[in-house]
Amino acid sequence: MAVEDFAAAPKGGKTGWKQDPEGVRADILATALAEFAESGLSGARMDEIAAKTRTSKRMIYYYFGSKNELYQKALEESYRAVRSGEEALELDHLDPVSALKRLTEFTFTHHRENPNFIRLVMIENIHKGQYLAQSDTIKNLNRAAIANLDALYERGVKTGVFREGLSPLRIHWLISAISFFNVSNATTFSLLFGSELYGDLGQKTACQDASDAVLNFVRAQP
């Protein structure tokens, strides 16, 4: 049965699904991501998600099957967004130092501008990675990210600008750790130490510090 047939007259539904079903699906995912990030998996309500989208709860179940499946898809789309952003950087066209600098600054900025992604990852950690473990999509996306970083690192080793003996996973961990902490602990850090680092200038400086830390970790010593 086609989506249009199923939803010919959805009770309480909203317009938009006929003209742009993919747009409606994307709208549902974006709304669900925000709702799960705000309320968690158990606290999020399908009624609330439906009320904020261009469709009905009935159509959401048609597209995604259940709340748990919708959560998993939202999690997958969150990871897809960051990995797609990395691919768009076209790092192969840059020298290794510039490429690693751009990757680090992209990750720092992406996480800062997408706090719902960070919250969703934190929620998934609370659930002990139950839904991530079931997702081949997320595993494949992250394997590709590590492979790309490995290629970048090897280019740097061959040209003598990066030191030998590192693994791409260690580099990825360092980039992720700094970028993640900047968002996940923003509230407590600001309350304890003030908000100096969380203004525009502070965040610009912190992004540069993150880039310097990663490059200093990887650079070959004179």
N, C-alpha and C. Protein backbone atom coordinates (compact mmCIF):
# COMPACT_ATOMS: atom_id res chain seq x y z
N MET A 1 0.84 -1.19 0.00
CA MET A 1 0.00 0.00 0.00
C MET A 1 0.88 1.24 0.00
N ALA A 2 0.60 2.18 -0.83
CA ALA A 2 1.38 3.40 -0.92
C ALA A 2 1.05 4.32 0.25
N VAL A 3 1.98 5.22 0.55
CA VAL A 3 1.75 6.18 1.62
C VAL A 3 0.49 6.98 1.34
N GLU A 4 0.30 7.40 0.06
CA GLU A 4 -0.85 8.21 -0.29
C GLU A 4 -2.16 7.46 -0.05
N ASP A 5 -2.17 6.14 -0.33
CA ASP A 5 -3.37 5.35 -0.11
C ASP A 5 -3.68 5.23 1.37
N PHE A 6 -2.63 4.95 2.13
CA PHE A 6 -2.81 4.76 3.57
C PHE A 6 -3.32 6.04 4.22
N ALA A 7 -2.83 7.18 3.74
CA ALA A 7 -3.12 8.45 4.40
C ALA A 7 -4.13 9.29 3.64
N ALA A 8 -4.99 8.65 2.89
CA ALA A 8 -5.93 9.42 2.07
C ALA A 8 -6.77 10.37 2.91
N ALA A 9 -7.09 9.94 4.13
CA ALA A 9 -7.87 10.82 5.00
C ALA A 9 -7.47 10.59 6.44
N PRO A 10 -6.22 10.96 6.80
CA PRO A 10 -5.78 10.73 8.17
C PRO A 10 -6.54 11.57 9.16
N LYS A 11 -7.05 10.93 10.20
CA LYS A 11 -7.82 11.67 11.20
C LYS A 11 -6.88 12.62 11.94
N GLY A 12 -7.29 13.86 11.98
CA GLY A 12 -6.48 14.84 12.68
C GLY A 12 -5.18 15.14 11.98
N GLY A 13 -5.02 14.68 10.75
CA GLY A 13 -3.77 14.87 10.02
C GLY A 13 -3.62 16.28 9.53
N LYS A 14 -2.48 16.56 8.92
CA LYS A 14 -2.17 17.89 8.43
C LYS A 14 -1.75 17.78 6.98
N THR A 15 -1.83 18.86 6.27
CA THR A 15 -1.50 18.84 4.86
C THR A 15 0.00 18.80 4.66
N GLY A 16 0.45 18.35 3.50
CA GLY A 16 1.87 18.36 3.19
C GLY A 16 2.39 17.02 2.77
N TRP A 17 1.79 15.92 3.27
CA TRP A 17 2.32 14.59 2.98
C TRP A 17 2.16 14.22 1.52
N LYS A 18 1.10 14.66 0.86
CA LYS A 18 0.90 14.32 -0.55
C LYS A 18 1.94 15.00 -1.43
N GLN A 19 2.17 16.29 -1.19
CA GLN A 19 3.06 17.05 -2.04
C GLN A 19 4.53 16.73 -1.80
N ASP A 20 4.88 16.38 -0.58
CA ASP A 20 6.30 16.22 -0.24
C ASP A 20 6.47 15.15 0.86
N PRO A 21 6.26 13.87 0.53
CA PRO A 21 6.37 12.84 1.56
C PRO A 21 7.75 12.74 2.19
N GLU A 22 8.82 12.95 1.39
CA GLU A 22 10.17 12.90 1.95
C GLU A 22 10.42 14.08 2.87
N GLY A 23 9.85 15.23 2.52
CA GLY A 23 9.97 16.39 3.39
C GLY A 23 9.26 16.18 4.71
N VAL A 24 8.10 15.53 4.65
CA VAL A 24 7.36 15.22 5.88
C VAL A 24 8.17 14.26 6.75
N ARG A 25 8.77 13.26 6.11
CA ARG A 25 9.58 12.29 6.85
C ARG A 25 10.76 12.98 7.54
N ALA A 26 11.42 13.89 6.80
CA ALA A 26 12.54 14.62 7.37
C ALA A 26 12.08 15.52 8.51
N ASP A 27 10.90 16.11 8.36
CA ASP A 27 10.33 16.97 9.40
C ASP A 27 10.05 16.16 10.67
N ILE A 28 9.52 14.97 10.48
CA ILE A 28 9.25 14.09 11.63
C ILE A 28 10.55 13.76 12.35
N LEU A 29 11.59 13.40 11.60
CA LEU A 29 12.87 13.03 12.20
C LEU A 29 13.49 14.20 12.97
N ALA A 30 13.45 15.39 12.37
CA ALA A 30 14.03 16.55 13.02
C ALA A 30 13.27 16.88 14.31
N THR A 31 11.95 16.80 14.25
CA THR A 31 11.13 17.08 15.43
C THR A 31 11.35 16.02 16.50
N ALA A 32 11.43 14.77 16.08
CA ALA A 32 11.64 13.67 17.02
C ALA A 32 13.00 13.80 17.70
N LEU A 33 14.02 14.16 16.93
CA LEU A 33 15.36 14.33 17.50
C LEU A 33 15.32 15.36 18.63
N ALA A 34 14.68 16.49 18.37
CA ALA A 34 14.59 17.54 19.38
C ALA A 34 13.81 17.06 20.61
N GLU A 35 12.74 16.32 20.35
CA GLU A 35 11.90 15.84 21.45
C GLU A 35 12.63 14.80 22.29
N PHE A 36 13.32 13.86 21.64
CA PHE A 36 14.08 12.85 22.38
C PHE A 36 15.24 13.50 23.14
N ALA A 37 15.90 14.48 22.52
CA ALA A 37 17.00 15.17 23.19
C ALA A 37 16.52 15.91 24.43
N GLU A 38 15.32 16.46 24.36
CA GLU A 38 14.76 17.23 25.48
C GLU A 38 14.22 16.34 26.59
N SER A 39 13.53 15.26 26.20
CA SER A 39 12.78 14.47 27.19
C SER A 39 13.28 13.05 27.38
N GLY A 40 14.25 12.62 26.55
CA GLY A 40 14.72 11.25 26.63
C GLY A 40 13.77 10.30 25.92
N LEU A 41 14.20 9.06 25.78
CA LEU A 41 13.37 8.08 25.08
C LEU A 41 12.08 7.80 25.83
N SER A 42 12.16 7.60 27.13
CA SER A 42 10.96 7.27 27.90
C SER A 42 10.04 8.48 28.06
N GLY A 43 10.61 9.67 28.14
CA GLY A 43 9.80 10.86 28.39
C GLY A 43 9.17 11.47 27.15
N ALA A 44 9.73 11.19 25.99
CA ALA A 44 9.19 11.75 24.74
C ALA A 44 7.81 11.17 24.45
N ARG A 45 6.93 11.99 23.90
CA ARG A 45 5.57 11.57 23.62
C ARG A 45 5.27 11.72 22.13
N MET A 46 4.72 10.65 21.54
CA MET A 46 4.40 10.67 20.12
C MET A 46 3.35 11.73 19.80
N ASP A 47 2.42 11.96 20.72
CA ASP A 47 1.41 13.02 20.52
C ASP A 47 2.08 14.38 20.36
N GLU A 48 3.11 14.62 21.16
CA GLU A 48 3.81 15.89 21.11
C GLU A 48 4.59 16.02 19.79
N ILE A 49 5.21 14.94 19.36
CA ILE A 49 5.95 14.96 18.09
C ILE A 49 4.98 15.23 16.94
N ALA A 50 3.85 14.55 16.95
CA ALA A 50 2.85 14.74 15.89
C ALA A 50 2.33 16.17 15.87
N ALA A 51 2.12 16.75 17.04
CA ALA A 51 1.58 18.10 17.12
C ALA A 51 2.53 19.14 16.53
N LYS A 52 3.82 18.82 16.51
CA LYS A 52 4.82 19.77 16.03
C LYS A 52 5.24 19.52 14.58
N THR A 53 4.60 18.56 13.92
CA THR A 53 4.96 18.23 12.54
C THR A 53 3.79 18.50 11.61
N ARG A 54 4.01 18.19 10.32
CA ARG A 54 2.99 18.44 9.29
C ARG A 54 2.13 17.20 9.04
N THR A 55 2.09 16.28 10.00
CA THR A 55 1.34 15.05 9.78
C THR A 55 0.68 14.60 11.08
N SER A 56 0.16 13.39 11.09
CA SER A 56 -0.55 12.86 12.26
C SER A 56 0.26 11.76 12.92
N LYS A 57 -0.14 11.39 14.14
CA LYS A 57 0.53 10.31 14.84
C LYS A 57 0.38 9.01 14.05
N ARG A 58 -0.77 8.83 13.43
CA ARG A 58 -1.01 7.64 12.62
C ARG A 58 0.03 7.52 11.49
N MET A 59 0.33 8.66 10.84
CA MET A 59 1.30 8.65 9.77
C MET A 59 2.72 8.42 10.29
N ILE A 60 3.02 8.92 11.47
CA ILE A 60 4.34 8.69 12.06
C ILE A 60 4.56 7.19 12.27
N TYR A 61 3.54 6.53 12.78
CA TYR A 61 3.66 5.08 12.96
C TYR A 61 3.79 4.36 11.62
N TYR A 62 3.14 4.90 10.59
CA TYR A 62 3.25 4.29 9.27
C TYR A 62 4.68 4.39 8.75
N TYR A 63 5.27 5.56 8.91
CA TYR A 63 6.64 5.78 8.43
C TYR A 63 7.66 5.00 9.25
N PHE A 64 7.48 4.94 10.57
CA PHE A 64 8.57 4.46 11.44
C PHE A 64 8.22 3.25 12.30
N GLY A 65 6.96 2.86 12.37
CA GLY A 65 6.61 1.63 13.06
C GLY A 65 6.32 1.77 14.54
N SER A 66 7.24 2.37 15.29
CA SER A 66 7.07 2.51 16.73
C SER A 66 7.93 3.66 17.23
N LYS A 67 7.72 4.03 18.48
CA LYS A 67 8.52 5.11 19.06
C LYS A 67 9.99 4.71 19.13
N ASN A 68 10.26 3.45 19.50
CA ASN A 68 11.64 2.99 19.59
C ASN A 68 12.33 3.02 18.23
N GLU A 69 11.60 2.64 17.18
CA GLU A 69 12.18 2.68 15.84
C GLU A 69 12.41 4.12 15.38
N LEU A 70 11.51 5.01 15.75
CA LEU A 70 11.68 6.43 15.43
C LEU A 70 12.91 6.98 16.14
N TYR A 71 13.10 6.61 17.39
CA TYR A 71 14.28 7.03 18.14
C TYR A 71 15.56 6.55 17.45
N GLN A 72 15.56 5.29 17.04
CA GLN A 72 16.76 4.74 16.39
C GLN A 72 17.05 5.47 15.07
N LYS A 73 16.01 5.77 14.31
CA LYS A 73 16.19 6.51 13.05
C LYS A 73 16.71 7.92 13.32
N ALA A 74 16.21 8.56 14.36
CA ALA A 74 16.68 9.90 14.71
C ALA A 74 18.16 9.85 15.11
N LEU A 75 18.53 8.81 15.84
CA LEU A 75 19.93 8.62 16.23
C LEU A 75 20.80 8.41 15.00
N GLU A 76 20.33 7.60 14.06
CA GLU A 76 21.07 7.35 12.82
C GLU A 76 21.24 8.62 12.01
N GLU A 77 20.18 9.40 11.90
CA GLU A 77 20.25 10.64 11.13
C GLU A 77 21.20 11.64 11.77
N SER A 78 21.29 11.62 13.09
CA SER A 78 22.22 12.51 13.78
C SER A 78 23.66 12.18 13.42
N TYR A 79 23.98 10.90 13.43
CA TYR A 79 25.33 10.47 13.05
C TYR A 79 25.57 10.70 11.56
N ARG A 80 24.55 10.48 10.75
CA ARG A 80 24.71 10.69 9.31
C ARG A 80 25.04 12.15 9.01
N ALA A 81 24.43 13.07 9.76
CA ALA A 81 24.65 14.49 9.53
C ALA A 81 26.11 14.88 9.78
N VAL A 82 26.67 14.40 10.89
CA VAL A 82 28.05 14.77 11.19
C VAL A 82 29.01 14.10 10.21
N ARG A 83 28.75 12.87 9.83
CA ARG A 83 29.64 12.19 8.88
C ARG A 83 29.52 12.78 7.48
N SER A 84 28.33 13.19 7.09
CA SER A 84 28.16 13.86 5.80
C SER A 84 28.91 15.19 5.78
N GLY A 85 28.88 15.89 6.91
CA GLY A 85 29.61 17.14 7.01
C GLY A 85 31.11 16.92 6.88
N GLU A 86 31.61 15.83 7.44
CA GLU A 86 33.03 15.51 7.31
C GLU A 86 33.39 15.23 5.85
N GLU A 87 32.54 14.47 5.17
CA GLU A 87 32.79 14.15 3.77
C GLU A 87 32.84 15.41 2.91
N ALA A 88 32.00 16.37 3.23
CA ALA A 88 31.92 17.60 2.44
C ALA A 88 33.15 18.48 2.61
N LEU A 89 34.00 18.18 3.58
CA LEU A 89 35.20 18.99 3.80
C LEU A 89 36.24 18.79 2.70
N GLU A 90 36.17 17.65 1.99
CA GLU A 90 37.10 17.33 0.91
C GLU A 90 38.55 17.46 1.38
N LEU A 91 38.88 16.73 2.42
CA LEU A 91 40.19 16.85 3.05
C LEU A 91 41.33 16.32 2.18
N ASP A 92 41.02 15.46 1.22
CA ASP A 92 42.07 14.91 0.35
C ASP A 92 42.78 15.99 -0.45
N HIS A 93 42.14 17.13 -0.63
CA HIS A 93 42.72 18.21 -1.42
C HIS A 93 43.60 19.13 -0.59
N LEU A 94 43.70 18.87 0.71
CA LEU A 94 44.51 19.71 1.60
C LEU A 94 45.74 18.97 2.07
N ASP A 95 46.77 19.71 2.44
CA ASP A 95 47.93 19.06 3.07
C ASP A 95 47.49 18.49 4.42
N PRO A 96 48.21 17.49 4.94
CA PRO A 96 47.75 16.79 6.16
C PRO A 96 47.50 17.70 7.36
N VAL A 97 48.36 18.67 7.59
CA VAL A 97 48.17 19.56 8.75
C VAL A 97 46.90 20.39 8.59
N SER A 98 46.73 20.98 7.41
CA SER A 98 45.53 21.79 7.17
C SER A 98 44.27 20.93 7.23
N ALA A 99 44.37 19.69 6.73
CA ALA A 99 43.22 18.79 6.73
C ALA A 99 42.80 18.42 8.15
N LEU A 100 43.77 18.10 8.99
CA LEU A 100 43.45 17.72 10.37
C LEU A 100 42.92 18.93 11.15
N LYS A 101 43.47 20.09 10.87
CA LYS A 101 42.99 21.32 11.51
C LYS A 101 41.53 21.57 11.11
N ARG A 102 41.24 21.43 9.83
CA ARG A 102 39.86 21.66 9.37
C ARG A 102 38.91 20.64 9.97
N LEU A 103 39.32 19.38 10.04
CA LEU A 103 38.46 18.33 10.60
C LEU A 103 38.17 18.61 12.08
N THR A 104 39.19 18.99 12.83
CA THR A 104 39.00 19.27 14.26
C THR A 104 38.07 20.46 14.46
N GLU A 105 38.30 21.53 13.70
CA GLU A 105 37.46 22.72 13.85
C GLU A 105 36.03 22.46 13.39
N PHE A 106 35.88 21.62 12.36
CA PHE A 106 34.51 21.26 11.94
C PHE A 106 33.80 20.51 13.05
N THR A 107 34.46 19.52 13.64
CA THR A 107 33.84 18.71 14.69
C THR A 107 33.46 19.57 15.88
N PHE A 108 34.37 20.44 16.31
CA PHE A 108 34.10 21.32 17.44
C PHE A 108 32.89 22.21 17.15
N THR A 109 32.87 22.79 15.96
CA THR A 109 31.78 23.70 15.60
C THR A 109 30.47 22.96 15.40
N HIS A 110 30.52 21.80 14.75
CA HIS A 110 29.30 21.01 14.54
C HIS A 110 28.66 20.67 15.89
N HIS A 111 29.45 20.18 16.82
CA HIS A 111 28.90 19.78 18.11
C HIS A 111 28.33 20.99 18.85
N ARG A 112 29.04 22.12 18.78
CA ARG A 112 28.56 23.34 19.45
C ARG A 112 27.22 23.80 18.86
N GLU A 113 27.08 23.68 17.55
CA GLU A 113 25.87 24.16 16.89
C GLU A 113 24.74 23.13 16.88
N ASN A 114 25.03 21.91 17.31
CA ASN A 114 24.02 20.84 17.33
C ASN A 114 23.99 20.16 18.70
N PRO A 115 23.61 20.91 19.74
CA PRO A 115 23.61 20.32 21.09
C PRO A 115 22.65 19.14 21.23
N ASN A 116 21.61 19.09 20.39
CA ASN A 116 20.69 17.94 20.47
C ASN A 116 21.38 16.64 20.10
N PHE A 117 22.34 16.71 19.20
CA PHE A 117 23.13 15.51 18.87
C PHE A 117 23.88 15.02 20.10
N ILE A 118 24.50 15.94 20.83
CA ILE A 118 25.24 15.57 22.03
C ILE A 118 24.30 14.97 23.08
N ARG A 119 23.14 15.60 23.25
CA ARG A 119 22.18 15.08 24.23
C ARG A 119 21.70 13.68 23.84
N LEU A 120 21.49 13.47 22.56
CA LEU A 120 21.02 12.16 22.11
C LEU A 120 22.08 11.09 22.35
N VAL A 121 23.34 11.44 22.13
CA VAL A 121 24.43 10.49 22.41
C VAL A 121 24.51 10.21 23.91
N MET A 122 24.31 11.23 24.73
CA MET A 122 24.31 11.03 26.18
C MET A 122 23.17 10.11 26.61
N ILE A 123 22.01 10.31 26.00
CA ILE A 123 20.86 9.45 26.30
C ILE A 123 21.15 8.02 25.89
N GLU A 124 21.78 7.85 24.73
CA GLU A 124 22.11 6.50 24.28
C GLU A 124 23.12 5.83 25.22
N ASN A 125 24.00 6.62 25.81
CA ASN A 125 24.91 6.05 26.80
C ASN A 125 24.15 5.61 28.05
N ILE A 126 23.12 6.37 28.43
CA ILE A 126 22.29 5.97 29.56
C ILE A 126 21.63 4.62 29.28
N HIS A 127 21.24 4.42 28.01
CA HIS A 127 20.62 3.15 27.61
C HIS A 127 21.66 2.09 27.25
N LYS A 128 22.93 2.36 27.62
CA LYS A 128 24.04 1.43 27.41
C LYS A 128 24.21 1.05 25.93
N GLY A 129 23.92 2.01 25.05
CA GLY A 129 24.14 1.81 23.63
C GLY A 129 23.23 0.78 22.99
N GLN A 130 22.07 0.55 23.61
CA GLN A 130 21.17 -0.51 23.14
C GLN A 130 20.75 -0.33 21.69
N TYR A 131 20.42 0.90 21.31
CA TYR A 131 19.91 1.13 19.96
C TYR A 131 21.05 1.34 18.97
N LEU A 132 22.14 1.91 19.41
CA LEU A 132 23.30 2.04 18.55
C LEU A 132 23.83 0.66 18.17
N ALA A 133 23.84 -0.25 19.14
CA ALA A 133 24.34 -1.60 18.88
C ALA A 133 23.53 -2.33 17.82
N GLN A 134 22.27 -1.96 17.67
CA GLN A 134 21.39 -2.61 16.69
C GLN A 134 21.50 -1.98 15.30
N SER A 135 22.25 -0.91 15.18
CA SER A 135 22.26 -0.14 13.93
C SER A 135 23.52 -0.37 13.11
N ASP A 136 23.39 -1.13 12.04
CA ASP A 136 24.51 -1.28 11.11
C ASP A 136 24.82 0.03 10.41
N THR A 137 23.80 0.87 10.24
CA THR A 137 24.00 2.16 9.60
C THR A 137 25.02 3.00 10.35
N ILE A 138 24.85 3.12 11.67
CA ILE A 138 25.78 3.93 12.47
C ILE A 138 27.16 3.30 12.49
N LYS A 139 27.23 1.99 12.60
CA LYS A 139 28.54 1.32 12.61
C LYS A 139 29.29 1.57 11.31
N ASN A 140 28.59 1.47 10.19
CA ASN A 140 29.23 1.68 8.89
C ASN A 140 29.67 3.13 8.72
N LEU A 141 28.83 4.07 9.16
CA LEU A 141 29.20 5.48 9.07
C LEU A 141 30.47 5.77 9.86
N ASN A 142 30.59 5.19 11.03
CA ASN A 142 31.74 5.47 11.87
C ASN A 142 32.98 4.72 11.43
N ARG A 143 32.81 3.53 10.85
CA ARG A 143 33.96 2.84 10.28
C ARG A 143 34.56 3.66 9.14
N ALA A 144 33.69 4.24 8.33
CA ALA A 144 34.16 5.07 7.22
C ALA A 144 34.90 6.30 7.74
N ALA A 145 34.40 6.89 8.83
CA ALA A 145 35.05 8.07 9.40
C ALA A 145 36.46 7.74 9.89
N ILE A 146 36.63 6.60 10.53
CA ILE A 146 37.95 6.18 11.02
C ILE A 146 38.87 5.86 9.84
N ALA A 147 38.33 5.23 8.81
CA ALA A 147 39.13 4.92 7.62
C ALA A 147 39.64 6.20 6.96
N ASN A 148 38.80 7.21 6.87
CA ASN A 148 39.20 8.48 6.27
C ASN A 148 40.27 9.17 7.11
N LEU A 149 40.12 9.11 8.42
CA LEU A 149 41.12 9.71 9.30
C LEU A 149 42.44 8.95 9.21
N ASP A 150 42.35 7.64 9.05
CA ASP A 150 43.55 6.82 8.89
C ASP A 150 44.32 7.23 7.64
N ALA A 151 43.59 7.44 6.53
CA ALA A 151 44.23 7.86 5.28
C ALA A 151 44.91 9.22 5.45
N LEU A 152 44.23 10.13 6.16
CA LEU A 152 44.79 11.46 6.41
C LEU A 152 46.07 11.35 7.24
N TYR A 153 46.00 10.55 8.29
CA TYR A 153 47.16 10.37 9.18
C TYR A 153 48.34 9.75 8.43
N GLU A 154 48.08 8.75 7.62
CA GLU A 154 49.16 8.09 6.88
C GLU A 154 49.82 9.06 5.90
N ARG A 155 49.04 9.95 5.31
CA ARG A 155 49.62 10.97 4.43
C ARG A 155 50.59 11.85 5.21
N GLY A 156 50.19 12.18 6.44
CA GLY A 156 51.05 13.01 7.28
C GLY A 156 52.32 12.30 7.71
N VAL A 157 52.20 11.01 7.99
CA VAL A 157 53.39 10.23 8.37
C VAL A 157 54.36 10.14 7.20
N LYS A 158 53.83 9.88 6.00
CA LYS A 158 54.68 9.73 4.82
C LYS A 158 55.41 11.02 4.47
N THR A 159 54.77 12.16 4.73
CA THR A 159 55.42 13.44 4.43
C THR A 159 56.25 13.95 5.60
N GLY A 160 56.25 13.23 6.71
CA GLY A 160 57.11 13.57 7.83
C GLY A 160 56.55 14.61 8.79
N VAL A 161 55.30 15.02 8.61
CA VAL A 161 54.75 16.05 9.51
C VAL A 161 54.04 15.44 10.71
N PHE A 162 53.62 14.18 10.63
CA PHE A 162 52.98 13.48 11.76
C PHE A 162 53.92 12.40 12.28
N ARG A 163 53.91 12.20 13.56
CA ARG A 163 54.76 11.17 14.16
C ARG A 163 54.17 9.79 13.94
N GLU A 164 55.02 8.81 13.91
CA GLU A 164 54.58 7.43 13.73
C GLU A 164 54.07 6.85 15.04
N GLY A 165 53.34 5.73 14.94
CA GLY A 165 52.94 4.98 16.12
C GLY A 165 51.57 5.31 16.68
N LEU A 166 50.85 6.22 16.03
CA LEU A 166 49.50 6.54 16.50
C LEU A 166 48.47 5.73 15.73
N SER A 167 47.29 5.61 16.29
CA SER A 167 46.18 4.99 15.57
C SER A 167 45.14 6.07 15.29
N PRO A 168 44.41 5.95 14.19
CA PRO A 168 43.37 6.95 13.90
C PRO A 168 42.32 6.99 15.00
N LEU A 169 42.11 5.88 15.69
CA LEU A 169 41.10 5.86 16.75
C LEU A 169 41.51 6.78 17.90
N ARG A 170 42.81 6.82 18.22
CA ARG A 170 43.27 7.70 19.29
C ARG A 170 43.08 9.17 18.90
N ILE A 171 43.34 9.48 17.65
CA ILE A 171 43.16 10.86 17.18
C ILE A 171 41.68 11.23 17.21
N HIS A 172 40.85 10.31 16.73
CA HIS A 172 39.40 10.55 16.73
C HIS A 172 38.89 10.73 18.16
N TRP A 173 39.40 9.93 19.07
CA TRP A 173 38.98 10.02 20.48
C TRP A 173 39.29 11.41 21.04
N LEU A 174 40.49 11.92 20.74
CA LEU A 174 40.88 13.22 21.27
C LEU A 174 40.01 14.33 20.70
N ILE A 175 39.78 14.29 19.39
CA ILE A 175 38.91 15.31 18.76
C ILE A 175 37.52 15.26 19.37
N SER A 176 36.97 14.04 19.49
CA SER A 176 35.62 13.88 20.01
C SER A 176 35.53 14.29 21.48
N ALA A 177 36.53 13.92 22.26
CA ALA A 177 36.50 14.21 23.70
C ALA A 177 36.43 15.71 23.95
N ILE A 178 37.27 16.47 23.28
CA ILE A 178 37.29 17.92 23.49
C ILE A 178 35.98 18.55 23.00
N SER A 179 35.56 18.15 21.80
CA SER A 179 34.37 18.75 21.19
C SER A 179 33.11 18.39 21.97
N PHE A 180 33.04 17.16 22.46
CA PHE A 180 31.87 16.69 23.21
C PHE A 180 31.78 17.38 24.56
N PHE A 181 32.89 17.44 25.27
CA PHE A 181 32.90 18.06 26.60
C PHE A 181 32.46 19.51 26.53
N ASN A 182 32.85 20.21 25.48
CA ASN A 182 32.51 21.62 25.33
C ASN A 182 31.00 21.85 25.40
N VAL A 183 30.22 20.86 24.93
CA VAL A 183 28.76 20.97 24.94
C VAL A 183 28.15 20.27 26.15
N SER A 184 28.58 19.05 26.40
CA SER A 184 27.94 18.24 27.44
C SER A 184 28.09 18.84 28.83
N ASN A 185 29.20 19.54 29.08
CA ASN A 185 29.46 20.09 30.41
C ASN A 185 29.39 21.61 30.45
N ALA A 186 28.77 22.20 29.43
CA ALA A 186 28.72 23.67 29.35
C ALA A 186 28.04 24.29 30.57
N THR A 187 26.94 23.73 31.00
CA THR A 187 26.19 24.31 32.12
C THR A 187 26.98 24.24 33.41
N THR A 188 27.48 23.06 33.76
CA THR A 188 28.21 22.92 35.03
C THR A 188 29.53 23.67 35.00
N PHE A 189 30.22 23.64 33.86
CA PHE A 189 31.50 24.35 33.76
C PHE A 189 31.29 25.85 33.94
N SER A 190 30.25 26.38 33.30
CA SER A 190 29.97 27.81 33.41
C SER A 190 29.60 28.20 34.84
N LEU A 191 28.82 27.37 35.50
CA LEU A 191 28.43 27.67 36.88
C LEU A 191 29.62 27.64 37.82
N LEU A 192 30.54 26.74 37.57
CA LEU A 192 31.71 26.61 38.44
C LEU A 192 32.79 27.66 38.16
N PHE A 193 33.00 27.98 36.87
CA PHE A 193 34.14 28.79 36.51
C PHE A 193 33.79 30.07 35.74
N GLY A 194 32.51 30.33 35.55
CA GLY A 194 32.10 31.50 34.80
C GLY A 194 31.91 31.18 33.33
N SER A 195 31.30 32.11 32.61
CA SER A 195 30.90 31.85 31.23
C SER A 195 31.87 32.44 30.19
N GLU A 196 33.08 32.78 30.63
CA GLU A 196 34.05 33.41 29.73
C GLU A 196 34.27 32.61 28.45
N LEU A 197 34.37 31.31 28.57
CA LEU A 197 34.67 30.48 27.40
C LEU A 197 33.45 30.21 26.53
N TYR A 198 32.28 30.65 26.96
CA TYR A 198 31.06 30.32 26.22
C TYR A 198 30.44 31.51 25.51
N GLY A 199 31.13 32.63 25.49
CA GLY A 199 30.74 33.72 24.60
C GLY A 199 31.32 33.46 23.22
N ASP A 200 31.03 34.33 22.27
CA ASP A 200 31.51 34.14 20.91
C ASP A 200 33.03 34.09 20.84
N LEU A 201 33.69 35.03 21.50
CA LEU A 201 35.15 35.05 21.49
C LEU A 201 35.72 33.84 22.22
N GLY A 202 35.11 33.47 23.35
CA GLY A 202 35.58 32.33 24.11
C GLY A 202 35.48 31.04 23.32
N GLN A 203 34.40 30.87 22.58
CA GLN A 203 34.22 29.66 21.78
C GLN A 203 35.18 29.64 20.58
N LYS A 204 35.44 30.79 20.02
CA LYS A 204 36.41 30.86 18.93
C LYS A 204 37.80 30.47 19.44
N THR A 205 38.14 30.96 20.63
CA THR A 205 39.42 30.62 21.23
C THR A 205 39.49 29.15 21.59
N ALA A 206 38.40 28.61 22.16
CA ALA A 206 38.37 27.20 22.54
C ALA A 206 38.51 26.30 21.32
N CYS A 207 37.90 26.69 20.21
CA CYS A 207 38.00 25.92 18.97
C CYS A 207 39.45 25.89 18.49
N GLN A 208 40.12 27.04 18.57
CA GLN A 208 41.53 27.10 18.19
C GLN A 208 42.38 26.27 19.13
N ASP A 209 42.07 26.31 20.43
CA ASP A 209 42.80 25.50 21.41
C ASP A 209 42.64 24.01 21.11
N ALA A 210 41.43 23.61 20.73
CA ALA A 210 41.18 22.21 20.39
C ALA A 210 42.02 21.79 19.19
N SER A 211 42.06 22.64 18.18
CA SER A 211 42.85 22.36 16.99
C SER A 211 44.33 22.26 17.33
N ASP A 212 44.83 23.20 18.14
CA ASP A 212 46.24 23.18 18.54
C ASP A 212 46.57 21.92 19.33
N ALA A 213 45.67 21.52 20.23
CA ALA A 213 45.92 20.34 21.05
C ALA A 213 46.05 19.08 20.19
N VAL A 214 45.14 18.95 19.23
CA VAL A 214 45.17 17.76 18.36
C VAL A 214 46.42 17.77 17.49
N LEU A 215 46.74 18.91 16.91
CA LEU A 215 47.92 18.99 16.05
C LEU A 215 49.20 18.76 16.85
N ASN A 216 49.29 19.31 18.05
CA ASN A 216 50.47 19.08 18.88
C ASN A 216 50.61 17.62 19.28
N PHE A 217 49.50 16.93 19.43
CA PHE A 217 49.51 15.50 19.76
C PHE A 217 50.04 14.68 18.58
N VAL A 218 49.74 15.10 17.39
CA VAL A 218 50.04 14.30 16.19
C VAL A 218 51.35 14.69 15.52
N ARG A 219 51.75 15.93 15.65
CA ARG A 219 52.94 16.41 14.92
C ARG A 219 54.20 15.62 15.25
N ALA A 220 55.05 15.47 14.23
CA ALA A 220 56.37 14.94 14.45
C ALA A 220 57.21 15.99 15.14
N GLN A 221 57.99 15.59 16.12
CA GLN A 221 58.83 16.54 16.84
C GLN A 221 60.12 16.80 16.07
N PRO A 222 60.60 18.05 16.09
CA PRO A 222 61.85 18.39 15.39
C PRO A 222 63.01 17.56 15.94
